[in-house]
């Protein structure tokens, strides 16, 4: 189980969380649950009725959003360049010689 902490203890201003929640509400976005992690700790968590932490959810296309977010953080931290080829980043995932289309995939479309 992840440790729960106050947002400010991990460098997050609570006002920013409130601004985010207001922006979601103002756009009409309907969330089931929101969890904010920082340094491996839960800094904020909310569950909107009737959803609970143990409610099973179907996710569609979520992995693309998570991967693109992770890639953005990696670029920001200098761990990844936008023009890098995916086959060069994850060579251990290759099974033989990749198809030319696969070999051409970059983090950002050139």
Protein backbone atom coordinates (compact mmCIF):
# COMPACT_ATOMS: atom_id res chain seq x y z
CA UNK A 1 0.00 0.00 0.00
CA UNK A 2 1.27 3.44 -0.89
CA UNK A 3 2.02 5.91 1.88
CA UNK A 4 -0.40 8.84 2.13
CA UNK A 5 1.12 12.26 2.86
CA UNK A 6 0.05 15.89 2.90
CA UNK A 7 0.70 17.53 -0.49
CA UNK A 8 2.99 20.20 0.94
CA UNK A 9 5.23 17.52 2.49
CA UNK A 10 6.24 16.49 -1.06
CA UNK A 11 6.45 20.01 -2.48
CA UNK A 12 2.92 20.43 -3.85
CA UNK A 13 0.92 23.52 -2.97
CA UNK A 14 -2.65 22.50 -2.04
CA UNK A 15 -3.96 25.60 -3.85
CA UNK A 16 -2.70 24.11 -7.14
CA UNK A 17 -4.72 20.95 -6.52
CA UNK A 18 -7.81 23.05 -5.81
CA UNK A 19 -7.23 25.04 -9.02
CA UNK A 20 -6.93 21.77 -10.97
CA UNK A 21 -10.17 20.40 -9.50
CA UNK A 22 -11.96 23.66 -10.28
CA UNK A 23 -10.68 23.59 -13.87
CA UNK A 24 -11.94 20.03 -14.30
CA UNK A 25 -15.30 21.01 -12.89
CA UNK A 26 -15.52 24.13 -15.07
CA UNK A 27 -14.94 22.08 -18.24
CA UNK A 28 -17.58 19.53 -17.26
CA UNK A 29 -15.05 16.73 -17.02
CA UNK A 30 -16.46 13.81 -15.05
CA UNK A 31 -13.85 11.93 -13.04
CA UNK A 32 -14.37 8.67 -11.21
CA UNK A 33 -11.22 8.85 -9.09
CA UNK A 34 -8.13 11.05 -8.98
CA UNK A 35 -4.84 10.10 -7.35
CA UNK A 36 -1.80 12.37 -7.34
CA UNK A 37 1.54 10.68 -6.67
CA UNK A 38 4.82 12.41 -5.90
CA UNK A 39 8.05 10.65 -4.95
CA UNK A 40 6.15 7.36 -4.70
CA UNK A 41 3.68 8.73 -2.15
CA UNK A 42 -0.01 9.60 -2.48
CA UNK A 43 -0.24 13.36 -2.03
CA UNK A 44 -3.92 13.65 -2.97
CA UNK A 45 -6.75 11.23 -3.61
CA UNK A 46 -10.46 11.65 -4.20
CA UNK A 47 -13.21 9.22 -5.22
CA UNK A 48 -16.47 10.55 -6.65
CA UNK A 49 -19.73 8.76 -5.85
CA UNK A 50 -20.67 6.09 -6.65
CA UNK A 51 -17.06 5.08 -7.39
CA UNK A 52 -14.75 3.73 -4.71
CA UNK A 53 -11.10 2.65 -4.67
CA UNK A 54 -12.18 -0.96 -5.18
CA UNK A 55 -14.52 -0.20 -8.12
CA UNK A 56 -13.44 -2.03 -11.29
CA UNK A 57 -13.05 0.31 -14.28
CA UNK A 58 -12.73 -0.37 -17.97
CA UNK A 59 -9.93 1.68 -19.51
CA UNK A 60 -9.82 2.58 -23.17
CA UNK A 61 -6.65 4.03 -24.70
CA UNK A 62 -5.31 4.88 -21.26
CA UNK A 63 -1.91 3.33 -21.93
CA UNK A 64 -1.17 5.87 -24.68
CA UNK A 65 -1.82 8.73 -22.27
CA UNK A 66 0.37 7.18 -19.58
CA UNK A 67 3.23 6.40 -21.97
CA UNK A 68 3.15 9.88 -23.51
CA UNK A 69 3.16 11.46 -20.04
CA UNK A 70 6.09 9.30 -18.96
CA UNK A 71 7.93 10.17 -22.19
CA UNK A 72 7.34 13.86 -21.54
CA UNK A 73 8.81 13.57 -18.05
CA UNK A 74 11.81 11.61 -19.43
CA UNK A 75 12.42 14.31 -22.06
CA UNK A 76 12.16 17.01 -19.40
CA UNK A 77 14.69 15.17 -17.24
CA UNK A 78 17.10 14.71 -20.16
CA UNK A 79 16.70 10.91 -20.14
CA UNK A 80 15.10 10.76 -23.58
CA UNK A 81 15.36 12.76 -26.80
CA UNK A 82 12.40 13.33 -29.08
CA UNK A 83 14.26 12.09 -32.16
CA UNK A 84 15.40 8.80 -30.60
CA UNK A 85 14.25 5.62 -32.28
CA UNK A 86 12.19 3.33 -30.05
CA UNK A 87 14.26 0.30 -31.15
CA UNK A 88 17.37 2.07 -29.79
CA UNK A 89 15.67 2.86 -26.49
CA UNK A 90 14.32 -0.65 -25.86
CA UNK A 91 16.63 -3.04 -27.75
CA UNK A 92 16.01 -5.83 -25.22
CA UNK A 93 12.36 -5.91 -26.36
CA UNK A 94 13.28 -6.80 -29.95
CA UNK A 95 12.82 -10.33 -31.19
CA UNK A 96 15.14 -10.50 -34.16
CA UNK A 97 15.37 -7.84 -36.83
CA UNK A 98 12.48 -5.38 -36.63
CA UNK A 99 10.22 -4.58 -39.57
CA UNK A 100 11.34 -1.36 -41.31
CA UNK A 101 8.19 0.44 -40.13
CA UNK A 102 8.92 -0.57 -36.53
CA UNK A 103 12.58 0.46 -36.89
CA UNK A 104 11.48 3.92 -38.05
CA UNK A 105 9.29 4.69 -35.00
CA UNK A 106 10.60 7.69 -33.05
CA UNK A 107 9.35 9.29 -29.86
CA UNK A 108 8.18 12.29 -31.91
CA UNK A 109 7.15 12.16 -35.53
CA UNK A 110 9.92 13.85 -37.58
